[in-house]
């Protein structure tokens, strides 16, 4: 799997609010943990709710600042976000773990 290509496509789907294809990048039983939001979002229904509230709802756009491939199954992303939530860019991270060609675990955090 080409992790850099996957990440760039994943961000492009997010920025286009292409929720169906975005969700398809996750296993159906994936877990997205976001301590900033104070919750874990489980499965496609949970991740859909997260995406609808925090990305579509705030018109969030994501910008990749740095990518660190930890292993063939893990990547750390340094990101910046813009949207209606703030007049400035917010910094954040995503740590993704893959099983096969899909995300099985994600941890998102504003820093």
N, C-alpha and C. Protein backbone atom coordinates (compact mmCIF):
# COMPACT_ATOMS: atom_id res chain seq x y z
N UNK A 1 0.83 -1.18 0.00
CA UNK A 1 0.00 0.00 0.00
C UNK A 1 0.88 1.25 0.00
N UNK A 2 0.54 2.20 -0.83
CA UNK A 2 1.25 3.46 -0.90
C UNK A 2 0.60 4.42 0.10
N UNK A 3 1.18 4.52 1.29
CA UNK A 3 0.58 5.30 2.38
C UNK A 3 0.48 6.78 2.01
N UNK A 4 1.50 7.34 1.38
CA UNK A 4 1.44 8.76 1.01
C UNK A 4 0.28 9.03 0.05
N UNK A 5 0.11 8.17 -0.93
CA UNK A 5 -0.99 8.32 -1.88
C UNK A 5 -2.33 8.20 -1.16
N UNK A 6 -2.43 7.19 -0.27
CA UNK A 6 -3.67 6.99 0.49
C UNK A 6 -4.01 8.25 1.28
N UNK A 7 -3.04 8.79 2.00
CA UNK A 7 -3.26 9.97 2.84
C UNK A 7 -3.69 11.17 2.00
N UNK A 8 -3.04 11.40 0.89
CA UNK A 8 -3.41 12.53 0.03
C UNK A 8 -4.82 12.38 -0.52
N UNK A 9 -5.20 11.16 -0.91
CA UNK A 9 -6.57 10.93 -1.39
C UNK A 9 -7.58 11.07 -0.26
N UNK A 10 -7.24 10.59 0.93
CA UNK A 10 -8.11 10.66 2.11
C UNK A 10 -8.39 12.12 2.46
N UNK A 11 -7.34 12.96 2.44
CA UNK A 11 -7.51 14.39 2.72
C UNK A 11 -8.34 15.04 1.63
N UNK A 12 -8.11 14.71 0.38
CA UNK A 12 -8.88 15.28 -0.73
C UNK A 12 -10.37 14.94 -0.58
N UNK A 13 -10.68 13.70 -0.19
CA UNK A 13 -12.08 13.30 0.03
C UNK A 13 -12.69 14.10 1.17
N UNK A 14 -11.91 14.28 2.22
CA UNK A 14 -12.37 15.06 3.37
C UNK A 14 -12.66 16.50 2.96
N UNK A 15 -11.75 17.10 2.24
CA UNK A 15 -11.91 18.50 1.83
C UNK A 15 -13.06 18.70 0.84
N UNK A 16 -13.41 17.63 0.11
CA UNK A 16 -14.53 17.69 -0.83
C UNK A 16 -15.85 17.29 -0.16
N UNK A 17 -15.77 16.92 1.14
CA UNK A 17 -16.94 16.44 1.91
C UNK A 17 -17.59 15.24 1.22
N UNK A 18 -16.74 14.40 0.63
CA UNK A 18 -17.18 13.18 -0.06
C UNK A 18 -17.32 12.08 0.99
N UNK A 19 -18.39 12.14 1.74
CA UNK A 19 -18.55 11.30 2.92
C UNK A 19 -18.58 9.81 2.61
N UNK A 20 -19.20 9.40 1.52
CA UNK A 20 -19.29 7.97 1.22
C UNK A 20 -17.92 7.38 0.92
N UNK A 21 -17.14 8.05 0.09
CA UNK A 21 -15.79 7.55 -0.21
C UNK A 21 -14.86 7.71 0.98
N UNK A 22 -15.05 8.77 1.76
CA UNK A 22 -14.27 8.95 2.98
C UNK A 22 -14.51 7.78 3.94
N UNK A 23 -15.78 7.44 4.15
CA UNK A 23 -16.10 6.32 5.04
C UNK A 23 -15.56 5.00 4.52
N UNK A 24 -15.51 4.86 3.21
CA UNK A 24 -15.01 3.62 2.62
C UNK A 24 -13.53 3.40 2.89
N UNK A 25 -12.81 4.43 3.34
CA UNK A 25 -11.40 4.25 3.68
C UNK A 25 -11.22 3.61 5.05
N UNK A 26 -12.32 3.50 5.81
CA UNK A 26 -12.31 2.90 7.15
C UNK A 26 -12.94 1.50 7.12
N UNK A 27 -12.38 0.59 7.92
CA UNK A 27 -13.05 -0.69 8.15
C UNK A 27 -14.40 -0.40 8.81
N UNK A 28 -15.34 -1.27 8.60
CA UNK A 28 -16.69 -1.06 9.17
C UNK A 28 -16.67 -1.04 10.70
N UNK A 29 -15.66 -1.66 11.31
CA UNK A 29 -15.56 -1.68 12.77
C UNK A 29 -14.42 -0.80 13.30
N UNK A 30 -14.00 0.16 12.50
CA UNK A 30 -12.91 1.07 12.90
C UNK A 30 -13.35 1.94 14.09
N UNK A 31 -12.36 2.42 14.82
CA UNK A 31 -12.59 3.33 15.94
C UNK A 31 -11.76 4.58 15.71
N UNK A 32 -12.43 5.73 15.84
CA UNK A 32 -11.77 7.03 15.75
C UNK A 32 -11.86 7.67 17.13
N UNK A 33 -10.72 7.88 17.75
CA UNK A 33 -10.64 8.48 19.09
C UNK A 33 -10.21 9.93 18.94
N UNK A 34 -11.03 10.83 19.47
CA UNK A 34 -10.68 12.25 19.43
C UNK A 34 -10.83 12.82 20.84
N UNK A 35 -9.75 12.86 21.61
CA UNK A 35 -9.82 13.41 22.96
C UNK A 35 -10.28 14.87 22.98
N UNK A 36 -9.99 15.62 21.92
CA UNK A 36 -10.43 17.01 21.83
C UNK A 36 -11.96 17.09 21.85
N UNK A 37 -12.60 16.14 21.18
CA UNK A 37 -14.07 16.08 21.15
C UNK A 37 -14.60 15.35 22.38
N UNK A 38 -13.71 14.69 23.11
CA UNK A 38 -14.10 13.99 24.32
C UNK A 38 -14.83 12.69 24.07
N UNK A 39 -14.55 12.04 22.93
CA UNK A 39 -15.29 10.82 22.62
C UNK A 39 -14.53 9.94 21.64
N UNK A 40 -14.97 8.67 21.63
CA UNK A 40 -14.57 7.72 20.59
C UNK A 40 -15.76 7.54 19.67
N UNK A 41 -15.48 7.41 18.39
CA UNK A 41 -16.52 7.22 17.39
C UNK A 41 -16.29 5.86 16.75
N UNK A 42 -17.29 4.99 16.88
CA UNK A 42 -17.12 3.59 16.50
C UNK A 42 -17.91 3.23 15.25
N UNK A 43 -17.23 2.51 14.36
CA UNK A 43 -17.88 2.03 13.15
C UNK A 43 -18.22 3.17 12.20
N UNK A 44 -18.78 2.79 11.07
CA UNK A 44 -19.11 3.81 10.07
C UNK A 44 -20.13 4.81 10.59
N UNK A 45 -21.09 4.37 11.39
CA UNK A 45 -22.11 5.31 11.88
C UNK A 45 -21.49 6.35 12.81
N UNK A 46 -20.60 5.95 13.67
CA UNK A 46 -19.93 6.89 14.57
C UNK A 46 -19.01 7.84 13.83
N UNK A 47 -18.24 7.30 12.89
CA UNK A 47 -17.31 8.12 12.12
C UNK A 47 -18.09 9.08 11.22
N UNK A 48 -19.23 8.64 10.69
CA UNK A 48 -20.09 9.53 9.90
C UNK A 48 -20.56 10.71 10.76
N UNK A 49 -21.01 10.44 11.98
CA UNK A 49 -21.47 11.50 12.88
C UNK A 49 -20.33 12.49 13.17
N UNK A 50 -19.14 11.98 13.42
CA UNK A 50 -17.96 12.81 13.66
C UNK A 50 -17.67 13.69 12.45
N UNK A 51 -17.63 13.09 11.28
CA UNK A 51 -17.31 13.81 10.06
C UNK A 51 -18.37 14.88 9.76
N UNK A 52 -19.63 14.52 9.93
CA UNK A 52 -20.71 15.48 9.68
C UNK A 52 -20.64 16.67 10.63
N UNK A 53 -20.34 16.41 11.90
CA UNK A 53 -20.31 17.51 12.87
C UNK A 53 -19.05 18.36 12.76
N UNK A 54 -17.89 17.71 12.75
CA UNK A 54 -16.64 18.45 12.86
C UNK A 54 -16.02 18.86 11.54
N UNK A 55 -16.37 18.20 10.46
CA UNK A 55 -15.80 18.57 9.16
C UNK A 55 -16.83 19.28 8.28
N UNK A 56 -17.95 18.66 8.02
CA UNK A 56 -18.98 19.31 7.21
C UNK A 56 -19.58 20.49 7.98
N UNK A 57 -19.94 20.27 9.24
CA UNK A 57 -20.58 21.30 10.05
C UNK A 57 -19.77 22.57 10.21
N UNK A 58 -18.46 22.42 10.31
CA UNK A 58 -17.58 23.58 10.49
C UNK A 58 -16.84 23.96 9.20
N UNK A 59 -17.25 23.35 8.09
CA UNK A 59 -16.61 23.61 6.79
C UNK A 59 -15.09 23.49 6.88
N UNK A 60 -14.66 22.46 7.57
CA UNK A 60 -13.24 22.25 7.81
C UNK A 60 -12.50 21.86 6.54
N UNK A 61 -11.36 22.47 6.35
CA UNK A 61 -10.43 22.11 5.29
C UNK A 61 -9.13 21.69 5.98
N UNK A 62 -8.55 20.62 5.48
CA UNK A 62 -7.39 20.00 6.09
C UNK A 62 -6.17 20.17 5.19
N UNK A 63 -5.04 20.53 5.80
CA UNK A 63 -3.79 20.73 5.07
C UNK A 63 -2.71 19.88 5.70
N UNK A 64 -2.08 19.03 4.90
CA UNK A 64 -1.01 18.17 5.37
C UNK A 64 0.27 18.98 5.50
N UNK A 65 0.85 18.98 6.70
CA UNK A 65 2.09 19.70 6.96
C UNK A 65 3.29 18.75 7.00
N UNK A 66 3.06 17.53 7.53
CA UNK A 66 4.14 16.56 7.63
C UNK A 66 3.55 15.16 7.74
N UNK A 67 4.22 14.21 7.16
CA UNK A 67 3.81 12.82 7.25
C UNK A 67 5.01 12.00 7.72
N UNK A 68 4.78 11.18 8.73
CA UNK A 68 5.84 10.31 9.25
C UNK A 68 5.31 8.88 9.21
N UNK A 69 5.86 8.09 8.31
CA UNK A 69 5.45 6.69 8.20
C UNK A 69 6.19 5.92 9.29
N UNK A 70 5.42 5.36 10.21
CA UNK A 70 5.98 4.63 11.35
C UNK A 70 6.33 3.21 10.93
N UNK A 71 5.42 2.57 10.20
CA UNK A 71 5.61 1.21 9.70
C UNK A 71 4.70 1.05 8.49
N UNK A 72 4.65 -0.14 7.94
CA UNK A 72 3.78 -0.37 6.78
C UNK A 72 2.30 -0.29 7.16
N UNK A 73 2.01 -0.24 8.47
CA UNK A 73 0.63 -0.19 8.94
C UNK A 73 0.30 1.04 9.78
N UNK A 74 1.25 1.96 9.94
CA UNK A 74 1.02 3.11 10.82
C UNK A 74 1.62 4.38 10.23
N UNK A 75 0.89 5.49 10.42
CA UNK A 75 1.39 6.77 9.96
C UNK A 75 0.96 7.85 10.96
N UNK A 76 1.83 8.84 11.12
CA UNK A 76 1.54 10.01 11.95
C UNK A 76 1.47 11.21 11.02
N UNK A 77 0.39 12.00 11.14
CA UNK A 77 0.19 13.16 10.30
C UNK A 77 0.16 14.43 11.14
N UNK A 78 0.92 15.41 10.74
CA UNK A 78 0.81 16.76 11.30
C UNK A 78 -0.02 17.55 10.30
N UNK A 79 -1.07 18.20 10.81
CA UNK A 79 -2.05 18.85 9.94
C UNK A 79 -2.35 20.26 10.42
N UNK A 80 -2.94 21.03 9.54
CA UNK A 80 -3.56 22.30 9.91
C UNK A 80 -4.98 22.28 9.40
N UNK A 81 -5.86 22.93 10.16
CA UNK A 81 -7.28 22.96 9.82
C UNK A 81 -7.76 24.40 9.77
N UNK A 82 -8.60 24.69 8.79
CA UNK A 82 -9.32 25.95 8.75
C UNK A 82 -10.81 25.61 8.69
N UNK A 83 -11.62 26.58 9.04
CA UNK A 83 -13.06 26.36 8.99
C UNK A 83 -13.78 27.49 9.70
N UNK A 84 -15.08 27.33 9.87
CA UNK A 84 -15.89 28.36 10.51
C UNK A 84 -15.73 28.37 12.03
N UNK A 85 -14.97 27.47 12.59
CA UNK A 85 -14.77 27.36 14.03
C UNK A 85 -13.80 28.40 14.57
N UNK A 86 -13.02 29.05 13.69
CA UNK A 86 -11.97 29.94 14.18
C UNK A 86 -11.53 30.87 13.05
N UNK A 87 -10.93 31.97 13.43
CA UNK A 87 -10.36 32.88 12.44
C UNK A 87 -8.93 32.53 12.10
N UNK A 88 -8.44 31.46 12.66
CA UNK A 88 -7.05 31.08 12.44
C UNK A 88 -6.95 29.62 12.07
N UNK A 89 -5.78 29.23 11.65
CA UNK A 89 -5.51 27.81 11.39
C UNK A 89 -5.23 27.13 12.72
N UNK A 90 -5.83 25.97 12.90
CA UNK A 90 -5.56 25.18 14.09
C UNK A 90 -4.65 24.02 13.71
N UNK A 91 -3.72 23.71 14.58
CA UNK A 91 -2.81 22.59 14.34
C UNK A 91 -3.39 21.34 14.99
N UNK A 92 -3.13 20.22 14.35
CA UNK A 92 -3.60 18.95 14.89
C UNK A 92 -2.81 17.79 14.34
N UNK A 93 -3.14 16.62 14.85
CA UNK A 93 -2.49 15.40 14.40
C UNK A 93 -3.55 14.32 14.15
N UNK A 94 -3.21 13.39 13.31
CA UNK A 94 -3.95 12.15 13.14
C UNK A 94 -2.93 11.04 13.15
N UNK A 95 -3.16 10.03 13.96
CA UNK A 95 -2.38 8.81 13.94
C UNK A 95 -3.29 7.72 13.39
N UNK A 96 -2.90 7.13 12.27
CA UNK A 96 -3.72 6.12 11.61
C UNK A 96 -3.03 4.77 11.66
N UNK A 97 -3.83 3.73 11.91
CA UNK A 97 -3.36 2.36 11.86
C UNK A 97 -4.21 1.65 10.81
N UNK A 98 -3.53 0.93 9.93
CA UNK A 98 -4.20 0.25 8.83
C UNK A 98 -4.26 -1.25 9.05
N UNK A 99 -5.35 -1.83 8.57
CA UNK A 99 -5.44 -3.29 8.43
C UNK A 99 -5.79 -3.49 6.96
N UNK A 100 -4.86 -4.07 6.23
CA UNK A 100 -5.06 -4.19 4.80
C UNK A 100 -4.98 -2.80 4.19
N UNK A 101 -5.95 -2.47 3.40
CA UNK A 101 -5.98 -1.20 2.68
C UNK A 101 -6.89 -0.16 3.34
N UNK A 102 -7.35 -0.42 4.58
CA UNK A 102 -8.29 0.48 5.23
C UNK A 102 -7.83 0.84 6.64
N UNK A 103 -8.36 1.96 7.14
CA UNK A 103 -8.04 2.41 8.49
C UNK A 103 -8.84 1.58 9.49
N UNK A 104 -8.16 1.03 10.47
CA UNK A 104 -8.83 0.28 11.55
C UNK A 104 -8.87 1.11 12.82
N UNK A 105 -7.92 2.05 12.96
CA UNK A 105 -7.85 2.88 14.17
C UNK A 105 -7.31 4.25 13.79
N UNK A 106 -7.95 5.28 14.36
CA UNK A 106 -7.48 6.65 14.13
C UNK A 106 -7.56 7.40 15.46
N UNK A 107 -6.53 8.19 15.70
CA UNK A 107 -6.56 9.09 16.86
C UNK A 107 -6.31 10.49 16.34
N UNK A 108 -7.27 11.37 16.61
CA UNK A 108 -7.20 12.76 16.15
C UNK A 108 -7.07 13.66 17.36
N UNK A 109 -6.26 14.70 17.21
CA UNK A 109 -6.12 15.61 18.35
C UNK A 109 -5.68 16.99 17.87
N UNK A 110 -6.27 18.01 18.45
CA UNK A 110 -5.78 19.36 18.23
C UNK A 110 -4.63 19.60 19.18
N UNK A 111 -3.61 20.30 18.71
CA UNK A 111 -2.43 20.54 19.55
C UNK A 111 -2.18 22.03 19.69
